[in-house]
């Protein structure tokens, strides 16, 4: 289970969730809490399915 929170003095919502026992904190990129919660739900679904969660997934190396 993850959480959506806002740091003091910031407008962008942050996401915190766990993958393989390690906490991952990342920006949602939005100031709308509903959109941030929906993004977190999608990420948690991908984690449950075991899908790779790397920024290099889908990139080609030339």
N, C-alpha and C. Protein backbone atom coordinates (compact mmCIF):
# COMPACT_ATOMS: atom_id res chain seq x y z
N UNK A 1 0.85 -1.17 0.00
CA UNK A 1 0.00 0.00 0.00
C UNK A 1 0.89 1.23 0.00
N UNK A 2 0.57 2.16 -0.85
CA UNK A 2 1.35 3.39 -0.94
C UNK A 2 0.59 4.57 -0.37
N UNK A 3 1.20 5.71 -0.48
CA UNK A 3 0.59 6.93 0.04
C UNK A 3 0.88 8.10 -0.89
N UNK A 4 -0.03 9.07 -0.85
CA UNK A 4 0.11 10.31 -1.60
C UNK A 4 0.22 11.42 -0.56
N UNK A 5 1.25 12.24 -0.69
CA UNK A 5 1.42 13.32 0.27
C UNK A 5 2.04 14.53 -0.43
N UNK A 6 1.96 15.66 0.24
CA UNK A 6 2.54 16.90 -0.28
C UNK A 6 3.55 17.41 0.73
N UNK A 7 4.74 17.72 0.26
CA UNK A 7 5.76 18.27 1.14
C UNK A 7 5.41 19.71 1.48
N UNK A 8 5.86 20.14 2.65
CA UNK A 8 5.56 21.48 3.13
C UNK A 8 6.10 22.52 2.14
N UNK A 9 5.24 23.44 1.76
CA UNK A 9 5.63 24.51 0.86
C UNK A 9 5.61 24.14 -0.61
N UNK A 10 5.16 22.93 -0.96
CA UNK A 10 5.12 22.47 -2.36
C UNK A 10 3.69 22.33 -2.83
N UNK A 11 3.50 22.40 -4.14
CA UNK A 11 2.16 22.22 -4.70
C UNK A 11 2.00 20.86 -5.37
N UNK A 12 3.11 20.22 -5.72
CA UNK A 12 3.07 18.93 -6.41
C UNK A 12 2.96 17.80 -5.39
N UNK A 13 2.10 16.82 -5.69
CA UNK A 13 1.91 15.67 -4.81
C UNK A 13 3.01 14.65 -5.05
N UNK A 14 3.46 14.02 -3.98
CA UNK A 14 4.50 13.00 -4.03
C UNK A 14 3.87 11.62 -3.81
N UNK A 15 4.49 10.59 -4.39
CA UNK A 15 4.02 9.22 -4.24
C UNK A 15 5.07 8.42 -3.48
N UNK A 16 4.62 7.61 -2.55
CA UNK A 16 5.53 6.70 -1.85
C UNK A 16 4.90 5.32 -1.86
N UNK A 17 5.65 4.36 -2.39
CA UNK A 17 5.18 2.99 -2.44
C UNK A 17 6.38 2.07 -2.25
N UNK A 18 6.12 0.79 -2.11
CA UNK A 18 7.18 -0.18 -1.84
C UNK A 18 7.27 -1.18 -2.99
N UNK A 19 8.50 -1.47 -3.37
CA UNK A 19 8.77 -2.49 -4.39
C UNK A 19 9.90 -3.36 -3.87
N UNK A 20 9.63 -4.65 -3.75
CA UNK A 20 10.59 -5.62 -3.21
C UNK A 20 11.10 -5.20 -1.84
N UNK A 21 10.22 -4.64 -1.02
CA UNK A 21 10.56 -4.26 0.34
C UNK A 21 11.25 -2.92 0.48
N UNK A 22 11.56 -2.27 -0.63
CA UNK A 22 12.24 -0.98 -0.58
C UNK A 22 11.27 0.16 -0.87
N UNK A 23 11.34 1.22 -0.08
CA UNK A 23 10.47 2.36 -0.34
C UNK A 23 10.93 3.15 -1.56
N UNK A 24 9.99 3.54 -2.39
CA UNK A 24 10.27 4.36 -3.57
C UNK A 24 9.44 5.62 -3.45
N UNK A 25 10.11 6.76 -3.56
CA UNK A 25 9.44 8.06 -3.49
C UNK A 25 9.66 8.75 -4.82
N UNK A 26 8.57 9.21 -5.43
CA UNK A 26 8.69 9.93 -6.69
C UNK A 26 7.59 10.97 -6.81
N UNK A 27 7.82 11.92 -7.67
CA UNK A 27 6.86 12.98 -7.89
C UNK A 27 5.74 12.48 -8.79
N UNK A 28 4.53 12.95 -8.51
CA UNK A 28 3.40 12.60 -9.38
C UNK A 28 3.36 13.52 -10.59
N UNK A 29 3.98 14.68 -10.48
CA UNK A 29 3.99 15.63 -11.58
C UNK A 29 2.71 16.43 -11.72
N UNK A 30 1.84 16.34 -10.73
CA UNK A 30 0.57 17.05 -10.79
C UNK A 30 0.23 17.66 -9.43
N UNK A 31 -0.56 18.71 -9.47
CA UNK A 31 -1.02 19.32 -8.22
C UNK A 31 -2.46 18.91 -7.89
N UNK A 32 -3.01 18.00 -8.69
CA UNK A 32 -4.35 17.47 -8.47
C UNK A 32 -4.25 16.15 -7.71
N UNK A 33 -4.80 16.12 -6.50
CA UNK A 33 -4.68 14.94 -5.64
C UNK A 33 -5.35 13.71 -6.25
N UNK A 34 -6.48 13.90 -6.92
CA UNK A 34 -7.19 12.79 -7.53
C UNK A 34 -6.35 12.13 -8.62
N UNK A 35 -5.69 12.93 -9.43
CA UNK A 35 -4.82 12.39 -10.49
C UNK A 35 -3.62 11.66 -9.89
N UNK A 36 -3.09 12.21 -8.81
CA UNK A 36 -1.95 11.58 -8.14
C UNK A 36 -2.35 10.23 -7.56
N UNK A 37 -3.54 10.14 -6.94
CA UNK A 37 -4.00 8.88 -6.38
C UNK A 37 -4.24 7.84 -7.48
N UNK A 38 -4.74 8.29 -8.62
CA UNK A 38 -4.97 7.38 -9.75
C UNK A 38 -3.64 6.86 -10.29
N UNK A 39 -2.64 7.73 -10.37
CA UNK A 39 -1.31 7.32 -10.82
C UNK A 39 -0.71 6.30 -9.85
N UNK A 40 -0.84 6.54 -8.56
CA UNK A 40 -0.34 5.61 -7.55
C UNK A 40 -1.03 4.26 -7.67
N UNK A 41 -2.32 4.26 -7.89
CA UNK A 41 -3.07 3.01 -8.04
C UNK A 41 -2.55 2.22 -9.25
N UNK A 42 -2.27 2.93 -10.36
CA UNK A 42 -1.74 2.26 -11.56
C UNK A 42 -0.35 1.69 -11.30
N UNK A 43 0.48 2.42 -10.59
CA UNK A 43 1.82 1.95 -10.26
C UNK A 43 1.75 0.72 -9.37
N UNK A 44 0.88 0.76 -8.37
CA UNK A 44 0.75 -0.39 -7.46
C UNK A 44 0.25 -1.62 -8.21
N UNK A 45 -0.62 -1.43 -9.19
CA UNK A 45 -1.09 -2.55 -10.00
C UNK A 45 0.06 -3.16 -10.78
N UNK A 46 0.91 -2.32 -11.35
CA UNK A 46 2.08 -2.82 -12.09
C UNK A 46 3.05 -3.55 -11.17
N UNK A 47 3.23 -3.04 -9.96
CA UNK A 47 4.10 -3.70 -8.99
C UNK A 47 3.54 -5.07 -8.64
N UNK A 48 2.23 -5.16 -8.42
CA UNK A 48 1.59 -6.44 -8.09
C UNK A 48 1.73 -7.45 -9.23
N UNK A 49 1.69 -6.97 -10.46
CA UNK A 49 1.83 -7.85 -11.63
C UNK A 49 3.29 -8.24 -11.88
N UNK A 50 4.22 -7.54 -11.24
CA UNK A 50 5.63 -7.86 -11.41
C UNK A 50 6.25 -7.23 -12.64
N UNK A 51 5.61 -6.20 -13.17
CA UNK A 51 6.15 -5.53 -14.36
C UNK A 51 7.37 -4.72 -14.00
N UNK A 52 8.35 -4.63 -14.91
CA UNK A 52 9.54 -3.83 -14.63
C UNK A 52 9.19 -2.35 -14.48
N UNK A 53 9.86 -1.68 -13.52
CA UNK A 53 9.56 -0.28 -13.22
C UNK A 53 10.82 0.57 -13.35
N UNK A 54 11.52 0.45 -14.44
CA UNK A 54 12.75 1.18 -14.63
C UNK A 54 12.56 2.25 -15.69
N UNK A 55 13.33 3.32 -15.58
CA UNK A 55 13.23 4.39 -16.57
C UNK A 55 13.85 3.96 -17.90
N UNK A 56 14.63 2.87 -17.90
CA UNK A 56 15.27 2.41 -19.12
C UNK A 56 14.42 1.40 -19.89
N UNK A 57 13.30 0.99 -19.34
CA UNK A 57 12.44 0.02 -20.01
C UNK A 57 11.85 0.68 -21.24
N UNK A 58 11.94 0.02 -22.36
CA UNK A 58 11.38 0.54 -23.59
C UNK A 58 12.32 1.44 -24.38
N UNK A 59 13.50 1.73 -23.86
CA UNK A 59 14.46 2.57 -24.58
C UNK A 59 15.40 1.67 -25.37
N UNK A 60 15.73 2.11 -26.57
CA UNK A 60 16.67 1.37 -27.41
C UNK A 60 18.08 1.91 -27.21
N UNK A 61 19.00 1.02 -27.23
CA UNK A 61 20.39 1.43 -27.10
C UNK A 61 21.05 1.26 -28.47
N UNK A 62 21.59 2.32 -28.97
CA UNK A 62 22.20 2.29 -30.31
C UNK A 62 23.70 2.20 -30.23
